[in-house]
Amino acid sequence: MATPSELEILEKDIRQRLDGTPYKSKSLQRLTGGSANFTYIVYLETPLLDGTEEVVIKHGENFVASNPKFPLATSRCVCHLLGHI
């Protein structure tokens, strides 16, 4: 499992990547479960045009979320909505 400081850095990076998009975050909440990716509820700073106020994102790193010592290629990830941000 990533350390609290590693998670803080990761979440800061996610928030920065979302800045300048319709998905700019007011806050993130990490969801538990799963092992390969990091999954978050993103509470949006501004609702989307359809009124959506929160979205779920999965974030992949080059390691397994539940075990940073286990490498896992991010080439397996495809983002269908945002592209690679």
PDB file of N, CA and C in Angstrom:
ATOM      1  N   MET A   1       0.848  -1.182   0.000  1.00  0.00           N
ATOM      2  CA  MET A   1       0.000   0.000   0.000  1.00  0.00           C
ATOM      3  C   MET A   1       0.885   1.234   0.000  1.00  0.00           C
ATOM      4  N   ALA A   2       0.490   2.238  -0.750  1.00  0.00           N
ATOM      5  CA  ALA A   2       1.230   3.495  -0.775  1.00  0.00           C
ATOM      6  C   ALA A   2       1.156   4.151   0.604  1.00  0.00           C
ATOM      7  N   THR A   3       2.206   4.850   0.950  1.00  0.00           N
ATOM      8  CA  THR A   3       2.246   5.550   2.239  1.00  0.00           C
ATOM      9  C   THR A   3       1.343   6.768   2.167  1.00  0.00           C
ATOM     10  N   PRO A   4       0.942   7.314   3.338  1.00  0.00           N
ATOM     11  CA  PRO A   4       0.120   8.529   3.324  1.00  0.00           C
ATOM     12  C   PRO A   4       0.777   9.676   2.545  1.00  0.00           C
ATOM     13  N   SER A   5       2.080   9.852   2.659  1.00  0.00           N
ATOM     14  CA  SER A   5       2.728  10.947   1.924  1.00  0.00           C
ATOM     15  C   SER A   5       2.731  10.670   0.418  1.00  0.00           C
ATOM     16  N   GLU A   6       2.880   9.398   0.012  1.00  0.00           N
ATOM     17  CA  GLU A   6       2.812   9.055  -1.410  1.00  0.00           C
ATOM     18  C   GLU A   6       1.405   9.304  -1.962  1.00  0.00           C
ATOM     19  N   LEU A   7       0.386   8.965  -1.161  1.00  0.00           N
ATOM     20  CA  LEU A   7      -0.996   9.223  -1.581  1.00  0.00           C
ATOM     21  C   LEU A   7      -1.257  10.713  -1.703  1.00  0.00           C
ATOM     22  N   GLU A   8      -0.717  11.490  -0.794  1.00  0.00           N
ATOM     23  CA  GLU A   8      -0.895  12.949  -0.836  1.00  0.00           C
ATOM     24  C   GLU A   8      -0.293  13.513  -2.125  1.00  0.00           C
ATOM     25  N   ILE A   9       0.899  13.060  -2.488  1.00  0.00           N
ATOM     26  CA  ILE A   9       1.548  13.513  -3.722  1.00  0.00           C
ATOM     27  C   ILE A   9       0.728  13.086  -4.936  1.00  0.00           C
ATOM     28  N   LEU A  10       0.255  11.850  -4.938  1.00  0.00           N
ATOM     29  CA  LEU A  10      -0.554  11.335  -6.033  1.00  0.00           C
ATOM     30  C   LEU A  10      -1.834  12.145  -6.192  1.00  0.00           C
ATOM     31  N   GLU A  11      -2.507  12.421  -5.082  1.00  0.00           N
ATOM     32  CA  GLU A  11      -3.763  13.168  -5.139  1.00  0.00           C
ATOM     33  C   GLU A  11      -3.537  14.606  -5.588  1.00  0.00           C
ATOM     34  N   LYS A  12      -2.418  15.202  -5.193  1.00  0.00           N
ATOM     35  CA  LYS A  12      -2.090  16.545  -5.653  1.00  0.00           C
ATOM     36  C   LYS A  12      -1.896  16.532  -7.167  1.00  0.00           C
ATOM     37  N   ASP A  13      -1.213  15.511  -7.684  1.00  0.00           N
ATOM     38  CA  ASP A  13      -1.001  15.376  -9.118  1.00  0.00           C
ATOM     39  C   ASP A  13      -2.325  15.201  -9.851  1.00  0.00           C
ATOM     40  N   ILE A  14      -3.212  14.386  -9.320  1.00  0.00           N
ATOM     41  CA  ILE A  14      -4.527  14.182  -9.946  1.00  0.00           C
ATOM     42  C   ILE A  14      -5.280  15.498 -10.005  1.00  0.00           C
ATOM     43  N   ARG A  15      -5.307  16.244  -8.886  1.00  0.00           N
ATOM     44  CA  ARG A  15      -6.014  17.525  -8.865  1.00  0.00           C
ATOM     45  C   ARG A  15      -5.415  18.494  -9.886  1.00  0.00           C
ATOM     46  N   GLN A  16      -4.090  18.527 -10.002  1.00  0.00           N
ATOM     47  CA  GLN A  16      -3.449  19.417 -10.976  1.00  0.00           C
ATOM     48  C   GLN A  16      -3.816  19.021 -12.408  1.00  0.00           C
ATOM     49  N   ARG A  17      -3.891  17.724 -12.670  1.00  0.00           N
ATOM     50  CA  ARG A  17      -4.248  17.263 -14.015  1.00  0.00           C
ATOM     51  C   ARG A  17      -5.694  17.608 -14.355  1.00  0.00           C
ATOM     52  N   LEU A  18      -6.553  17.663 -13.364  1.00  0.00           N
ATOM     53  CA  LEU A  18      -7.954  17.996 -13.595  1.00  0.00           C
ATOM     54  C   LEU A  18      -8.179  19.499 -13.727  1.00  0.00           C
ATOM     55  N   ASP A  19      -7.268  20.312 -13.181  1.00  0.00           N
ATOM     56  CA  ASP A  19      -7.381  21.772 -13.321  1.00  0.00           C
ATOM     57  C   ASP A  19      -7.423  22.119 -14.807  1.00  0.00           C
ATOM     58  N   GLY A  20      -8.238  23.090 -15.151  1.00  0.00           N
ATOM     59  CA  GLY A  20      -8.339  23.504 -16.549  1.00  0.00           C
ATOM     60  C   GLY A  20      -9.252  22.620 -17.375  1.00  0.00           C
ATOM     61  N   THR A  21      -9.906  21.654 -16.739  1.00  0.00           N
ATOM     62  CA  THR A  21     -10.886  20.804 -17.426  1.00  0.00           C
ATOM     63  C   THR A  21     -12.235  20.996 -16.737  1.00  0.00           C
ATOM     64  N   PRO A  22     -13.309  20.516 -17.347  1.00  0.00           N
ATOM     65  CA  PRO A  22     -14.614  20.584 -16.675  1.00  0.00           C
ATOM     66  C   PRO A  22     -14.657  19.770 -15.379  1.00  0.00           C
ATOM     67  N   TYR A  23     -13.616  18.959 -15.151  1.00  0.00           N
ATOM     68  CA  TYR A  23     -13.587  18.067 -13.998  1.00  0.00           C
ATOM     69  C   TYR A  23     -12.706  18.594 -12.864  1.00  0.00           C
ATOM     70  N   LYS A  24     -12.426  19.894 -12.873  1.00  0.00           N
ATOM     71  CA  LYS A  24     -11.627  20.494 -11.798  1.00  0.00           C
ATOM     72  C   LYS A  24     -12.263  20.132 -10.465  1.00  0.00           C
ATOM     73  N   SER A  25     -11.417  19.680  -9.536  1.00  0.00           N
ATOM     74  CA  SER A  25     -11.962  19.137  -8.286  1.00  0.00           C
ATOM     75  C   SER A  25     -12.009  20.159  -7.159  1.00  0.00           C
ATOM     76  N   LYS A  26     -13.086  20.053  -6.420  1.00  0.00           N
ATOM     77  CA  LYS A  26     -13.194  20.751  -5.141  1.00  0.00           C
ATOM     78  C   LYS A  26     -12.518  19.885  -4.087  1.00  0.00           C
ATOM     79  N   SER A  27     -12.714  18.564  -4.219  1.00  0.00           N
ATOM     80  CA  SER A  27     -12.068  17.607  -3.322  1.00  0.00           C
ATOM     81  C   SER A  27     -12.126  16.219  -3.953  1.00  0.00           C
ATOM     82  N   LEU A  28     -11.299  15.338  -3.399  1.00  0.00           N
ATOM     83  CA  LEU A  28     -11.251  13.944  -3.820  1.00  0.00           C
ATOM     84  C   LEU A  28     -11.531  13.054  -2.621  1.00  0.00           C
ATOM     85  N   GLN A  29     -12.165  11.924  -2.876  1.00  0.00           N
ATOM     86  CA  GLN A  29     -12.347  10.911  -1.839  1.00  0.00           C
ATOM     87  C   GLN A  29     -11.902   9.580  -2.421  1.00  0.00           C
ATOM     88  N   ARG A  30     -10.875   9.000  -1.834  1.00  0.00           N
ATOM     89  CA  ARG A  30     -10.380   7.714  -2.326  1.00  0.00           C
ATOM     90  C   ARG A  30     -11.347   6.610  -1.932  1.00  0.00           C
ATOM     91  N   LEU A  31     -11.653   5.758  -2.888  1.00  0.00           N
ATOM     92  CA  LEU A  31     -12.517   4.610  -2.636  1.00  0.00           C
ATOM     93  C   LEU A  31     -11.649   3.403  -2.321  1.00  0.00           C
ATOM     94  N   THR A  32     -12.122   2.574  -1.424  1.00  0.00           N
ATOM     95  CA  THR A  32     -11.388   1.363  -1.054  1.00  0.00           C
ATOM     96  C   THR A  32     -11.804   0.219  -1.961  1.00  0.00           C
ATOM     97  N   GLY A  33     -11.028  -0.821  -1.929  1.00  0.00           N
ATOM     98  CA  GLY A  33     -11.312  -1.984  -2.757  1.00  0.00           C
ATOM     99  C   GLY A  33     -10.474  -1.931  -4.020  1.00  0.00           C
ATOM    100  N   GLY A  34     -10.457  -3.010  -4.731  1.00  0.00           N
ATOM    101  CA  GLY A  34      -9.630  -3.078  -5.926  1.00  0.00           C
ATOM    102  C   GLY A  34      -8.167  -3.169  -5.540  1.00  0.00           C
ATOM    103  N   SER A  35      -7.331  -3.479  -6.505  1.00  0.00           N
ATOM    104  CA  SER A  35      -5.918  -3.583  -6.180  1.00  0.00           C
ATOM    105  C   SER A  35      -5.018  -2.946  -7.222  1.00  0.00           C
ATOM    106  N   ALA A  36      -5.433  -2.862  -8.472  1.00  0.00           N
ATOM    107  CA  ALA A  36      -4.540  -2.394  -9.529  1.00  0.00           C
ATOM    108  C   ALA A  36      -4.490  -0.872  -9.644  1.00  0.00           C
ATOM    109  N   ASN A  37      -5.639  -0.209  -9.571  1.00  0.00           N
ATOM    110  CA  ASN A  37      -5.719   1.231  -9.787  1.00  0.00           C
ATOM    111  C   ASN A  37      -6.130   1.969  -8.518  1.00  0.00           C
ATOM    112  N   PHE A  38      -5.974   3.280  -8.579  1.00  0.00           N
ATOM    113  CA  PHE A  38      -6.478   4.161  -7.527  1.00  0.00           C
ATOM    114  C   PHE A  38      -7.811   4.704  -8.031  1.00  0.00           C
ATOM    115  N   THR A  39      -8.862   4.595  -7.224  1.00  0.00           N
ATOM    116  CA  THR A  39     -10.192   5.031  -7.631  1.00  0.00           C
ATOM    117  C   THR A  39     -10.669   6.107  -6.674  1.00  0.00           C
ATOM    118  N   TYR A  40     -11.214   7.188  -7.258  1.00  0.00           N
ATOM    119  CA  TYR A  40     -11.638   8.339  -6.466  1.00  0.00           C
ATOM    120  C   TYR A  40     -13.007   8.833  -6.903  1.00  0.00           C
ATOM    121  N   ILE A  41     -13.744   9.378  -5.949  1.00  0.00           N
ATOM    122  CA  ILE A  41     -14.876  10.235  -6.269  1.00  0.00           C
ATOM    123  C   ILE A  41     -14.299  11.639  -6.341  1.00  0.00           C
ATOM    124  N   VAL A  42     -14.553  12.318  -7.440  1.00  0.00           N
ATOM    125  CA  VAL A  42     -14.126  13.700  -7.604  1.00  0.00           C
ATOM    126  C   VAL A  42     -15.355  14.576  -7.402  1.00  0.00           C
ATOM    127  N   TYR A  43     -15.298  15.421  -6.389  1.00  0.00           N
ATOM    128  CA  TYR A  43     -16.359  16.391  -6.153  1.00  0.00           C
ATOM    129  C   TYR A  43     -15.979  17.628  -6.959  1.00  0.00           C
ATOM    130  N   LEU A  44     -16.788  17.942  -7.951  1.00  0.00           N
ATOM    131  CA  LEU A  44     -16.453  18.977  -8.915  1.00  0.00           C
ATOM    132  C   LEU A  44     -16.593  20.380  -8.337  1.00  0.00           C
ATOM    133  N   GLU A  45     -15.667  21.238  -8.722  1.00  0.00           N
ATOM    134  CA  GLU A  45     -15.732  22.637  -8.294  1.00  0.00           C
ATOM    135  C   GLU A  45     -16.954  23.317  -8.898  1.00  0.00           C
ATOM    136  N   THR A  46     -17.252  22.999 -10.155  1.00  0.00           N
ATOM    137  CA  THR A  46     -18.413  23.545 -10.856  1.00  0.00           C
ATOM    138  C   THR A  46     -19.172  22.382 -11.476  1.00  0.00           C
ATOM    139  N   PRO A  47     -20.485  22.296 -11.245  1.00  0.00           N
ATOM    140  CA  PRO A  47     -21.232  21.188 -11.858  1.00  0.00           C
ATOM    141  C   PRO A  47     -21.094  21.197 -13.382  1.00  0.00           C
ATOM    142  N   LEU A  48     -21.172  20.000 -13.966  1.00  0.00           N
ATOM    143  CA  LEU A  48     -21.171  19.892 -15.420  1.00  0.00           C
ATOM    144  C   LEU A  48     -22.472  20.468 -15.981  1.00  0.00           C
ATOM    145  N   LEU A  49     -22.542  20.642 -17.281  1.00  0.00           N
ATOM    146  CA  LEU A  49     -23.725  21.236 -17.906  1.00  0.00           C
ATOM    147  C   LEU A  49     -25.003  20.476 -17.593  1.00  0.00           C
ATOM    148  N   ASP A  50     -24.900  19.168 -17.376  1.00  0.00           N
ATOM    149  CA  ASP A  50     -26.097  18.376 -17.067  1.00  0.00           C
ATOM    150  C   ASP A  50     -26.411  18.353 -15.572  1.00  0.00           C
ATOM    151  N   GLY A  51     -25.635  19.112 -14.768  1.00  0.00           N
ATOM    152  CA  GLY A  51     -25.880  19.185 -13.335  1.00  0.00           C
ATOM    153  C   GLY A  51     -25.054  18.217 -12.502  1.00  0.00           C
ATOM    154  N   THR A  52     -24.267  17.351 -13.141  1.00  0.00           N
ATOM    155  CA  THR A  52     -23.437  16.391 -12.416  1.00  0.00           C
ATOM    156  C   THR A  52     -22.468  17.124 -11.496  1.00  0.00           C
ATOM    157  N   GLU A  53     -22.431  16.706 -10.230  1.00  0.00           N
ATOM    158  CA  GLU A  53     -21.579  17.361  -9.241  1.00  0.00           C
ATOM    159  C   GLU A  53     -20.404  16.504  -8.796  1.00  0.00           C
ATOM    160  N   GLU A  54     -20.438  15.219  -9.156  1.00  0.00           N
ATOM    161  CA  GLU A  54     -19.344  14.324  -8.786  1.00  0.00           C
ATOM    162  C   GLU A  54     -19.198  13.247  -9.847  1.00  0.00           C
ATOM    163  N   VAL A  55     -17.957  12.816 -10.044  1.00  0.00           N
ATOM    164  CA  VAL A  55     -17.660  11.758 -11.002  1.00  0.00           C
ATOM    165  C   VAL A  55     -16.681  10.794 -10.344  1.00  0.00           C
ATOM    166  N   VAL A  56     -16.589   9.604 -10.895  1.00  0.00           N
ATOM    167  CA  VAL A  56     -15.632   8.618 -10.413  1.00  0.00           C
ATOM    168  C   VAL A  56     -14.512   8.528 -11.443  1.00  0.00           C
ATOM    169  N   ILE A  57     -13.277   8.556 -10.943  1.00  0.00           N
ATOM    170  CA  ILE A  57     -12.136   8.368 -11.830  1.00  0.00           C
ATOM    171  C   ILE A  57     -11.284   7.216 -11.315  1.00  0.00           C
ATOM    172  N   LYS A  58     -10.635   6.554 -12.254  1.00  0.00           N
ATOM    173  CA  LYS A  58      -9.633   5.541 -11.917  1.00  0.00           C
ATOM    174  C   LYS A  58      -8.307   6.075 -12.429  1.00  0.00           C
ATOM    175  N   HIS A  59      -7.316   5.988 -11.587  1.00  0.00           N
ATOM    176  CA  HIS A  59      -5.984   6.491 -11.931  1.00  0.00           C
ATOM    177  C   HIS A  59      -4.997   5.341 -11.856  1.00  0.00           C
ATOM    178  N   GLY A  60      -4.261   5.143 -12.931  1.00  0.00           N
ATOM    179  CA  GLY A  60      -3.268   4.082 -12.969  1.00  0.00           C
ATOM    180  C   GLY A  60      -1.861   4.624 -12.816  1.00  0.00           C
ATOM    181  N   GLU A  61      -1.048   3.902 -12.131  1.00  0.00           N
ATOM    182  CA  GLU A  61       0.381   4.200 -11.994  1.00  0.00           C
ATOM    183  C   GLU A  61       1.140   3.019 -12.583  1.00  0.00           C
ATOM    184  N   ASN A  62       2.462   3.087 -12.576  1.00  0.00           N
ATOM    185  CA  ASN A  62       3.257   1.992 -13.127  1.00  0.00           C
ATOM    186  C   ASN A  62       3.524   0.907 -12.083  1.00  0.00           C
ATOM    187  N   PHE A  63       2.624   0.820 -11.113  1.00  0.00           N
ATOM    188  CA  PHE A  63       2.679  -0.208 -10.077  1.00  0.00           C
ATOM    189  C   PHE A  63       1.262  -0.487  -9.605  1.00  0.00           C
ATOM    190  N   VAL A  64       1.084  -1.591  -8.924  1.00  0.00           N
ATOM    191  CA  VAL A  64      -0.217  -1.981  -8.384  1.00  0.00           C
ATOM    192  C   VAL A  64      -0.533  -1.097  -7.175  1.00  0.00           C
ATOM    193  N   ALA A  65      -1.719  -0.539  -7.130  1.00  0.00           N
ATOM    194  CA  ALA A  65      -2.094   0.376  -6.046  1.00  0.00           C
ATOM    195  C   ALA A  65      -1.958  -0.274  -4.671  1.00  0.00           C
ATOM    196  N   SER A  66      -2.254  -1.554  -4.581  1.00  0.00           N
ATOM    197  CA  SER A  66      -2.191  -2.227  -3.287  1.00  0.00           C
ATOM    198  C   SER A  66      -0.789  -2.707  -2.928  1.00  0.00           C
ATOM    199  N   ASN A  67       0.153  -2.626  -3.884  1.00  0.00           N
ATOM    200  CA  ASN A  67       1.522  -3.067  -3.626  1.00  0.00           C
ATOM    201  C   ASN A  67       2.480  -2.332  -4.563  1.00  0.00           C
ATOM    202  N   PRO A  68       2.997  -1.164  -4.154  1.00  0.00           N
ATOM    203  CA  PRO A  68       3.860  -0.367  -5.029  1.00  0.00           C
ATOM    204  C   PRO A  68       5.114  -1.086  -5.519  1.00  0.00           C
ATOM    205  N   LYS A  69       5.504  -2.187  -4.890  1.00  0.00           N
ATOM    206  CA  LYS A  69       6.683  -2.932  -5.338  1.00  0.00           C
ATOM    207  C   LYS A  69       6.370  -3.869  -6.519  1.00  0.00           C
ATOM    208  N   PHE A  70       5.098  -3.991  -6.866  1.00  0.00           N
ATOM    209  CA  PHE A  70       4.672  -4.862  -7.961  1.00  0.00           C
ATOM    210  C   PHE A  70       4.425  -4.004  -9.206  1.00  0.00           C
ATOM    211  N   PRO A  71       5.305  -4.084 -10.221  1.00  0.00           N
ATOM    212  CA  PRO A  71       5.149  -3.254 -11.409  1.00  0.00           C
ATOM    213  C   PRO A  71       3.924  -3.659 -12.236  1.00  0.00           C
ATOM    214  N   LEU A  72       3.327  -2.668 -12.879  1.00  0.00           N
ATOM    215  CA  LEU A  72       2.159  -2.894 -13.722  1.00  0.00           C
ATOM    216  C   LEU A  72       2.112  -1.779 -14.760  1.00  0.00           C
ATOM    217  N   ALA A  73       2.189  -2.112 -16.024  1.00  0.00           N
ATOM    218  CA  ALA A  73       2.249  -1.111 -17.095  1.00  0.00           C
ATOM    219  C   ALA A  73       0.945  -0.323 -17.199  1.00  0.00           C
ATOM    220  N   THR A  74       1.070   0.992 -17.370  1.00  0.00           N
ATOM    221  CA  THR A  74      -0.124   1.832 -17.551  1.00  0.00           C
ATOM    222  C   THR A  74      -0.656   1.743 -18.979  1.00  0.00           C
ATOM    223  N   SER A  75       0.076   1.095 -19.873  1.00  0.00           N
ATOM    224  CA  SER A  75      -0.407   0.940 -21.246  1.00  0.00           C
ATOM    225  C   SER A  75      -1.703   0.135 -21.293  1.00  0.00           C
ATOM    226  N   ARG A  76      -2.024  -0.560 -20.193  1.00  0.00           N
ATOM    227  CA  ARG A  76      -3.262  -1.333 -20.139  1.00  0.00           C
ATOM    228  C   ARG A  76      -4.484  -0.435 -19.938  1.00  0.00           C
ATOM    229  N   CYS A  77      -4.257   0.823 -19.584  1.00  0.00           N
ATOM    230  CA  CYS A  77      -5.344   1.762 -19.276  1.00  0.00           C
ATOM    231  C   CYS A  77      -5.707   2.588 -20.503  1.00  0.00           C
ATOM    232  N   VAL A  78      -6.990   2.733 -20.736  1.00  0.00           N
ATOM    233  CA  VAL A  78      -7.493   3.603 -21.794  1.00  0.00           C
ATOM    234  C   VAL A  78      -8.573   4.465 -21.176  1.00  0.00           C
ATOM    235  N   CYS A  79      -8.461   5.767 -21.371  1.00  0.00           N
ATOM    236  CA  CYS A  79      -9.482   6.675 -20.851  1.00  0.00           C
ATOM    237  C   CYS A  79     -10.437   7.017 -21.975  1.00  0.00           C
ATOM    238  N   HIS A  80     -11.689   6.689 -21.796  1.00  0.00           N
ATOM    239  CA  HIS A  80     -12.671   6.885 -22.853  1.00  0.00           C
ATOM    240  C   HIS A  80     -13.310   8.259 -22.830  1.00  0.00           C
ATOM    241  N   LEU A  81     -13.244   8.970 -21.728  1.00  0.00           N
ATOM    242  CA  LEU A  81     -13.943  10.237 -21.626  1.00  0.00           C
ATOM    243  C   LEU A  81     -13.010  11.423 -21.742  1.00  0.00           C
ATOM    244  N   LEU A  82     -11.948  11.434 -20.955  1.00  0.00           N
ATOM    245  CA  LEU A  82     -11.078  12.596 -20.888  1.00  0.00           C
ATOM    246  C   LEU A  82      -9.847  12.506 -21.776  1.00  0.00           C
ATOM    247  N   GLY A  83      -9.528  11.340 -22.261  1.00  0.00           N
ATOM    248  CA  GLY A  83      -8.235  11.170 -22.903  1.00  0.00           C
ATOM    249  C   GLY A  83      -7.191  11.121 -21.811  1.00  0.00           C
ATOM    250  N   HIS A  84      -5.965  11.224 -22.178  1.00  0.00           N
ATOM    251  CA  HIS A  84      -4.880  11.200 -21.192  1.00  0.00           C
ATOM    252  C   HIS A  84      -4.641  12.610 -20.728  1.00  0.00           C
ATOM    253  N   ILE A  85      -5.021  12.899 -19.488  1.00  0.00           N
ATOM    254  CA  ILE A  85      -4.837  14.255 -18.969  1.00  0.00           C
ATOM    255  C   ILE A  85      -3.722  14.259 -17.956  1.00  0.00           C
TER     256      ILE A  85
END
